[in-house]
Amino acid sequence: MNLLSKPYHMLALAAVLLIMLSFIPANRPMDLPVQGASYVLNYSDTLRAIAMLLLLFWILYMITVRFLFSVILIWVHIVITLLLLVLIVFLFFRYAGQNASNEIMELSFQTGLNPQMIVPVLIMLLLLTQLSYIINLILGVVRRMN
């Protein structure tokens, strides 16, 4: 497995690592405040869901690698995706089980920054990062058509 020419194999390795991390026992859920609602996430289910998402990306890369435009865009997509996921998982493990008070749950500069408010922003950045894969695929298909 050559990671320099096929960096998408790192997605499968990260998925296996996340699945193994999901078996570490921890009964503390994380409260995730999003626009006035609070979602309670179990860490093992969340890690397994992220791992399944990474495996889906890996399968997509295996199928579409011959249509992609640039290896540099592949690297950008994979590195940023994995860095954001590592940060999300770190914050999840670090702040799981801590309840946010009502004052801090509101997004305000006066109340300070709550680490639990960072996770939804990181998830949005993760979704925006996926545009690099779509752009890479569209450019590759356009190049093949010409």
C-alpha atoms as a PDB file:
ATOM      1  CA  MET A   1       0.000   0.000   0.000  1.00  0.00           C
ATOM      2  CA  ASN A   2       1.763   3.130  -1.251  1.00  0.00           C
ATOM      3  CA  LEU A   3       0.409   6.091   0.707  1.00  0.00           C
ATOM      4  CA  LEU A   4       2.270   8.702  -1.359  1.00  0.00           C
ATOM      5  CA  SER A   5       0.583   7.813  -4.636  1.00  0.00           C
ATOM      6  CA  LYS A   6      -2.658   6.536  -3.079  1.00  0.00           C
ATOM      7  CA  PRO A   7      -3.298   8.661   0.008  1.00  0.00           C
ATOM      8  CA  TYR A   8      -6.943   7.620   0.172  1.00  0.00           C
ATOM      9  CA  HIS A   9      -5.852   4.408   1.915  1.00  0.00           C
ATOM     10  CA  MET A  10      -5.297   6.562   5.023  1.00  0.00           C
ATOM     11  CA  LEU A  11      -9.083   6.853   5.251  1.00  0.00           C
ATOM     12  CA  ALA A  12      -9.404   3.086   5.730  1.00  0.00           C
ATOM     13  CA  LEU A  13      -6.631   3.099   8.339  1.00  0.00           C
ATOM     14  CA  ALA A  14      -8.308   5.947  10.222  1.00  0.00           C
ATOM     15  CA  ALA A  15     -11.652   4.123  10.077  1.00  0.00           C
ATOM     16  CA  VAL A  16     -10.138   0.989  11.599  1.00  0.00           C
ATOM     17  CA  LEU A  17      -8.530   3.101  14.326  1.00  0.00           C
ATOM     18  CA  LEU A  18     -11.844   4.818  15.102  1.00  0.00           C
ATOM     19  CA  ILE A  19     -13.660   1.494  15.293  1.00  0.00           C
ATOM     20  CA  MET A  20     -11.032   0.232  17.738  1.00  0.00           C
ATOM     21  CA  LEU A  21     -11.363   3.445  19.798  1.00  0.00           C
ATOM     22  CA  SER A  22     -15.128   2.987  19.945  1.00  0.00           C
ATOM     23  CA  PHE A  23     -14.679  -0.138  22.064  1.00  0.00           C
ATOM     24  CA  ILE A  24     -13.019   1.807  24.891  1.00  0.00           C
ATOM     25  CA  PRO A  25     -15.674   1.858  27.606  1.00  0.00           C
ATOM     26  CA  ALA A  26     -16.980   5.281  28.515  1.00  0.00           C
ATOM     27  CA  ASN A  27     -20.520   5.853  29.647  1.00  0.00           C
ATOM     28  CA  ARG A  28     -20.401   9.622  29.397  1.00  0.00           C
ATOM     29  CA  PRO A  29     -22.343  11.172  26.533  1.00  0.00           C
ATOM     30  CA  MET A  30     -21.562  14.599  25.135  1.00  0.00           C
ATOM     31  CA  ASP A  31     -24.089  17.409  24.982  1.00  0.00           C
ATOM     32  CA  LEU A  32     -23.893  19.139  21.617  1.00  0.00           C
ATOM     33  CA  PRO A  33     -25.734  22.481  21.623  1.00  0.00           C
ATOM     34  CA  VAL A  34     -26.987  23.488  18.178  1.00  0.00           C
ATOM     35  CA  GLN A  35     -29.220  26.571  17.813  1.00  0.00           C
ATOM     36  CA  GLY A  36     -31.089  26.305  21.088  1.00  0.00           C
ATOM     37  CA  ALA A  37     -31.400  22.511  21.082  1.00  0.00           C
ATOM     38  CA  SER A  38     -29.054  20.135  22.835  1.00  0.00           C
ATOM     39  CA  TYR A  39     -28.250  16.774  21.281  1.00  0.00           C
ATOM     40  CA  VAL A  40     -26.819  14.014  23.453  1.00  0.00           C
ATOM     41  CA  LEU A  41     -24.265  11.902  21.585  1.00  0.00           C
ATOM     42  CA  ASN A  42     -22.903   8.580  22.733  1.00  0.00           C
ATOM     43  CA  TYR A  43     -19.200   8.479  21.952  1.00  0.00           C
ATOM     44  CA  SER A  44     -18.989   4.866  20.735  1.00  0.00           C
ATOM     45  CA  ASP A  45     -21.888   5.267  18.315  1.00  0.00           C
ATOM     46  CA  THR A  46     -20.471   8.562  17.081  1.00  0.00           C
ATOM     47  CA  LEU A  47     -17.021   7.065  16.480  1.00  0.00           C
ATOM     48  CA  ARG A  48     -18.511   4.140  14.598  1.00  0.00           C
ATOM     49  CA  ALA A  49     -20.604   6.491  12.468  1.00  0.00           C
ATOM     50  CA  ILE A  50     -17.514   8.567  11.629  1.00  0.00           C
ATOM     51  CA  ALA A  51     -15.635   5.358  10.797  1.00  0.00           C
ATOM     52  CA  MET A  52     -18.410   4.264   8.453  1.00  0.00           C
ATOM     53  CA  LEU A  53     -18.284   7.687   6.791  1.00  0.00           C
ATOM     54  CA  LEU A  54     -14.523   7.309   6.293  1.00  0.00           C
ATOM     55  CA  LEU A  55     -15.022   3.841   4.823  1.00  0.00           C
ATOM     56  CA  LEU A  56     -17.612   5.295   2.454  1.00  0.00           C
ATOM     57  CA  PHE A  57     -15.102   7.947   1.332  1.00  0.00           C
ATOM     58  CA  TRP A  58     -12.466   5.232   0.879  1.00  0.00           C
ATOM     59  CA  ILE A  59     -14.816   3.185  -1.312  1.00  0.00           C
ATOM     60  CA  LEU A  60     -15.692   6.305  -3.329  1.00  0.00           C
ATOM     61  CA  TYR A  61     -11.997   6.962  -3.904  1.00  0.00           C
ATOM     62  CA  MET A  62     -11.406   3.342  -4.936  1.00  0.00           C
ATOM     63  CA  ILE A  63     -14.190   3.620  -7.522  1.00  0.00           C
ATOM     64  CA  THR A  64     -13.477   7.133  -8.853  1.00  0.00           C
ATOM     65  CA  VAL A  65      -9.694   7.443  -8.571  1.00  0.00           C
ATOM     66  CA  ARG A  66      -9.173   7.146 -12.331  1.00  0.00           C
ATOM     67  CA  PHE A  67     -11.538  10.079 -12.938  1.00  0.00           C
ATOM     68  CA  LEU A  68      -9.991  12.474 -10.412  1.00  0.00           C
ATOM     69  CA  PHE A  69      -8.127  15.530 -11.641  1.00  0.00           C
ATOM     70  CA  SER A  70      -5.209  15.955  -9.264  1.00  0.00           C
ATOM     71  CA  VAL A  71      -3.333  14.073  -6.571  1.00  0.00           C
ATOM     72  CA  ILE A  72      -2.765  17.399  -4.807  1.00  0.00           C
ATOM     73  CA  LEU A  73      -6.525  17.893  -4.413  1.00  0.00           C
ATOM     74  CA  ILE A  74      -6.772  14.333  -3.093  1.00  0.00           C
ATOM     75  CA  TRP A  75      -4.114  15.147  -0.496  1.00  0.00           C
ATOM     76  CA  VAL A  76      -5.853  18.410   0.450  1.00  0.00           C
ATOM     77  CA  HIS A  77      -9.170  16.641   0.914  1.00  0.00           C
ATOM     78  CA  ILE A  78      -7.781  13.756   2.940  1.00  0.00           C
ATOM     79  CA  VAL A  79      -5.430  15.750   5.165  1.00  0.00           C
ATOM     80  CA  ILE A  80      -8.003  18.406   6.056  1.00  0.00           C
ATOM     81  CA  THR A  81     -10.709  15.774   6.594  1.00  0.00           C
ATOM     82  CA  LEU A  82      -8.515  13.699   8.886  1.00  0.00           C
ATOM     83  CA  LEU A  83      -7.268  16.736  10.830  1.00  0.00           C
ATOM     84  CA  LEU A  84     -10.813  17.961  11.432  1.00  0.00           C
ATOM     85  CA  LEU A  85     -11.918  14.476  12.485  1.00  0.00           C
ATOM     86  CA  VAL A  86      -8.984  14.149  14.890  1.00  0.00           C
ATOM     87  CA  LEU A  87      -9.909  17.509  16.413  1.00  0.00           C
ATOM     88  CA  ILE A  88     -13.584  16.525  16.708  1.00  0.00           C
ATOM     89  CA  VAL A  89     -12.712  13.185  18.317  1.00  0.00           C
ATOM     90  CA  PHE A  90     -10.266  14.885  20.708  1.00  0.00           C
ATOM     91  CA  LEU A  91     -12.865  17.431  21.770  1.00  0.00           C
ATOM     92  CA  PHE A  92     -15.420  14.679  22.094  1.00  0.00           C
ATOM     93  CA  PHE A  93     -13.211  12.638  24.414  1.00  0.00           C
ATOM     94  CA  ARG A  94     -12.027  15.676  26.341  1.00  0.00           C
ATOM     95  CA  TYR A  95     -15.385  17.291  27.019  1.00  0.00           C
ATOM     96  CA  ALA A  96     -17.727  14.304  27.041  1.00  0.00           C
ATOM     97  CA  GLY A  97     -19.949  14.258  30.083  1.00  0.00           C
ATOM     98  CA  GLN A  98     -19.672  17.954  30.854  1.00  0.00           C
ATOM     99  CA  ASN A  99     -22.993  19.752  30.851  1.00  0.00           C
ATOM    100  CA  ALA A 100     -22.953  23.248  29.456  1.00  0.00           C
ATOM    101  CA  SER A 101     -24.767  25.837  31.504  1.00  0.00           C
ATOM    102  CA  ASN A 102     -27.540  27.915  29.935  1.00  0.00           C
ATOM    103  CA  GLU A 103     -25.413  31.057  29.920  1.00  0.00           C
ATOM    104  CA  ILE A 104     -22.548  29.434  28.023  1.00  0.00           C
ATOM    105  CA  MET A 105     -24.809  27.601  25.568  1.00  0.00           C
ATOM    106  CA  GLU A 106     -25.694  30.928  23.982  1.00  0.00           C
ATOM    107  CA  LEU A 107     -23.214  31.973  21.334  1.00  0.00           C
ATOM    108  CA  SER A 108     -21.894  35.277  22.599  1.00  0.00           C
ATOM    109  CA  PHE A 109     -18.572  37.024  22.833  1.00  0.00           C
ATOM    110  CA  GLN A 110     -19.360  38.175  26.381  1.00  0.00           C
ATOM    111  CA  THR A 111     -19.825  34.662  27.805  1.00  0.00           C
ATOM    112  CA  GLY A 112     -16.605  33.274  26.379  1.00  0.00           C
ATOM    113  CA  LEU A 113     -15.896  30.320  24.146  1.00  0.00           C
ATOM    114  CA  ASN A 114     -17.313  26.960  25.087  1.00  0.00           C
ATOM    115  CA  PRO A 115     -15.465  23.957  23.564  1.00  0.00           C
ATOM    116  CA  GLN A 116     -18.787  22.219  23.013  1.00  0.00           C
ATOM    117  CA  MET A 117     -19.779  25.064  20.676  1.00  0.00           C
ATOM    118  CA  ILE A 118     -16.707  24.397  18.526  1.00  0.00           C
ATOM    119  CA  VAL A 119     -17.825  20.900  17.479  1.00  0.00           C
ATOM    120  CA  PRO A 120     -20.778  22.058  15.294  1.00  0.00           C
ATOM    121  CA  VAL A 121     -18.475  24.567  13.594  1.00  0.00           C
ATOM    122  CA  LEU A 122     -15.920  21.827  12.943  1.00  0.00           C
ATOM    123  CA  ILE A 123     -18.643  19.599  11.528  1.00  0.00           C
ATOM    124  CA  MET A 124     -19.656  22.401   9.142  1.00  0.00           C
ATOM    125  CA  LEU A 125     -16.009  22.844   8.099  1.00  0.00           C
ATOM    126  CA  LEU A 126     -15.835  19.091   7.541  1.00  0.00           C
ATOM    127  CA  LEU A 127     -18.836  19.293   5.234  1.00  0.00           C
ATOM    128  CA  LEU A 128     -17.279  22.209   3.347  1.00  0.00           C
ATOM    129  CA  THR A 129     -14.054  20.246   2.965  1.00  0.00           C
ATOM    130  CA  GLN A 130     -15.934  17.578   1.051  1.00  0.00           C
ATOM    131  CA  LEU A 131     -16.363  20.112  -1.736  1.00  0.00           C
ATOM    132  CA  SER A 132     -12.701  19.583  -2.644  1.00  0.00           C
ATOM    133  CA  TYR A 133     -13.509  15.966  -3.567  1.00  0.00           C
ATOM    134  CA  ILE A 134     -16.498  17.054  -5.647  1.00  0.00           C
ATOM    135  CA  ILE A 135     -14.436  19.752  -7.403  1.00  0.00           C
ATOM    136  CA  ASN A 136     -11.656  17.236  -8.047  1.00  0.00           C
ATOM    137  CA  LEU A 137     -14.155  14.781  -9.538  1.00  0.00           C
ATOM    138  CA  ILE A 138     -15.866  17.412 -11.717  1.00  0.00           C
ATOM    139  CA  LEU A 139     -12.528  18.717 -13.032  1.00  0.00           C
ATOM    140  CA  GLY A 140     -11.395  15.169 -13.790  1.00  0.00           C
ATOM    141  CA  VAL A 141     -14.580  14.351 -15.698  1.00  0.00           C
ATOM    142  CA  VAL A 142     -14.345  17.611 -17.664  1.00  0.00           C
ATOM    143  CA  ARG A 143     -10.703  16.849 -18.507  1.00  0.00           C
ATOM    144  CA  ARG A 144     -11.639  13.364 -19.737  1.00  0.00           C
ATOM    145  CA  MET A 145     -14.421  14.766 -21.903  1.00  0.00           C
ATOM    146  CA  ASN A 146     -12.035  17.163 -23.700  1.00  0.00           C
END
